[in-house]
Amino acid sequence: MMGESDQHALLVTSWHLSTMRALPRLLLPLRRLERDSCWAAPGRVRSHRWLSRRSLLLTSWWESREAAEAWMASAAFREFNARARRLGARPYVELRKAE
């Protein structure tokens, strides 16, 4: 049986866009965020990126809640989030124990 500290953390980050016009300006930055920042972050287990016409979703699994929070505090994540918000995106973040 796994202890509480052995559980992975699931981090769901998404940005809902007010218009489809913002998507092209966020598509490559989101890809770079996942590839250059998330993949290289300590404690990352895996990640998945999903796009629709007006939503961006980055789901990631982490070895611990602390590792996920450290990545969210990184400059790369904060810069992407600020850029998305400037383009009118509404962010959503959920961090929970992975099932």
Protein backbone atom coordinates (compact mmCIF):
# COMPACT_ATOMS: atom_id res chain seq x y z
CA MET A 1 0.00 0.00 0.00
CA MET A 2 1.29 3.44 -0.90
CA GLY A 3 1.63 6.09 1.76
CA GLU A 4 0.26 9.60 1.41
CA SER A 5 3.70 10.93 0.43
CA ASP A 6 3.98 8.30 -2.35
CA GLN A 7 1.00 9.68 -4.26
CA HIS A 8 1.59 11.62 -7.43
CA ALA A 9 0.02 15.03 -7.85
CA LEU A 10 -2.18 15.92 -10.81
CA LEU A 11 -1.99 19.52 -12.00
CA VAL A 12 -4.63 20.78 -14.42
CA THR A 13 -3.91 24.20 -15.88
CA SER A 14 -6.16 25.72 -18.51
CA TRP A 15 -6.86 29.05 -20.11
CA HIS A 16 -10.24 29.85 -21.68
CA LEU A 17 -9.92 32.46 -24.41
CA SER A 18 -12.50 35.17 -24.96
CA THR A 19 -11.89 34.99 -28.71
CA MET A 20 -10.35 32.52 -31.17
CA ARG A 21 -8.00 35.27 -32.38
CA ALA A 22 -5.81 34.84 -29.30
CA LEU A 23 -5.14 31.16 -30.00
CA PRO A 24 -2.40 31.61 -32.64
CA ARG A 25 -0.50 33.96 -30.31
CA LEU A 26 -0.58 31.42 -27.48
CA LEU A 27 -0.17 28.13 -29.32
CA LEU A 28 3.63 28.15 -29.71
CA PRO A 29 4.27 29.72 -26.30
CA LEU A 30 2.20 26.92 -24.69
CA ARG A 31 4.15 24.30 -26.61
CA ARG A 32 7.42 25.91 -25.49
CA LEU A 33 6.18 26.06 -21.90
CA GLU A 34 5.48 22.34 -21.91
CA ARG A 35 8.61 21.30 -23.83
CA ASP A 36 11.23 23.63 -22.36
CA SER A 37 9.95 24.22 -18.85
CA CYS A 38 7.58 21.44 -17.81
CA TRP A 39 9.55 18.54 -19.31
CA ALA A 40 12.76 19.74 -17.67
CA ALA A 41 11.22 20.46 -14.27
CA PRO A 42 12.33 18.25 -11.38
CA GLY A 43 9.63 15.84 -10.29
CA ARG A 44 7.62 15.82 -13.53
CA VAL A 45 6.26 12.37 -14.37
CA ARG A 46 4.40 13.17 -17.61
CA SER A 47 2.32 15.84 -19.27
CA HIS A 48 -0.36 16.25 -21.91
CA ARG A 49 -1.31 19.34 -23.94
CA TRP A 50 -4.75 19.80 -25.50
CA LEU A 51 -6.21 22.63 -27.56
CA SER A 52 -9.60 23.63 -28.83
CA ARG A 53 -10.67 26.76 -30.63
CA ARG A 54 -10.94 28.77 -27.44
CA SER A 55 -9.22 26.73 -24.75
CA LEU A 56 -5.71 25.63 -23.90
CA LEU A 57 -5.16 22.79 -21.45
CA LEU A 58 -1.94 21.51 -19.96
CA THR A 59 -2.31 18.51 -17.67
CA SER A 60 0.76 17.28 -15.82
CA TRP A 61 1.53 14.59 -13.27
CA TRP A 62 4.20 15.21 -10.63
CA GLU A 63 6.03 13.14 -8.06
CA SER A 64 4.72 15.44 -5.32
CA ARG A 65 2.52 18.45 -4.72
CA GLU A 66 5.65 20.46 -3.88
CA ALA A 67 7.18 19.71 -7.30
CA ALA A 68 4.01 20.90 -9.05
CA GLU A 69 3.86 24.07 -6.96
CA ALA A 70 7.54 24.77 -7.66
CA TRP A 71 6.90 24.57 -11.39
CA MET A 72 3.90 26.90 -11.11
CA ALA A 73 6.16 29.37 -9.28
CA SER A 74 8.74 29.23 -12.10
CA ALA A 75 9.37 32.26 -14.26
CA ALA A 76 8.33 30.37 -17.43
CA PHE A 77 4.91 29.45 -16.03
CA ARG A 78 4.28 32.90 -14.58
CA GLU A 79 5.28 34.58 -17.86
CA PHE A 80 3.00 32.37 -19.95
CA ASN A 81 0.10 32.93 -17.55
CA ALA A 82 0.63 36.70 -17.65
CA ARG A 83 0.80 36.66 -21.45
CA ALA A 84 -2.43 34.64 -21.69
CA ARG A 85 -4.20 36.97 -19.28
CA ARG A 86 -3.09 40.03 -21.29
CA LEU A 87 -4.79 38.42 -24.30
CA GLY A 88 -8.03 38.05 -22.32
CA ALA A 89 -7.72 34.43 -21.22
CA ARG A 90 -9.29 33.27 -17.97
CA PRO A 91 -6.94 30.87 -16.18
CA TYR A 92 -8.01 27.84 -14.20
CA VAL A 93 -5.67 25.81 -11.98
CA GLU A 94 -6.46 22.65 -10.04
CA LEU A 95 -3.89 20.67 -8.09
CA ARG A 96 -4.93 17.42 -6.48
CA LYS A 97 -3.71 13.96 -5.57
CA ALA A 98 -3.55 11.78 -8.69
CA GLU A 99 -5.83 8.77 -8.59
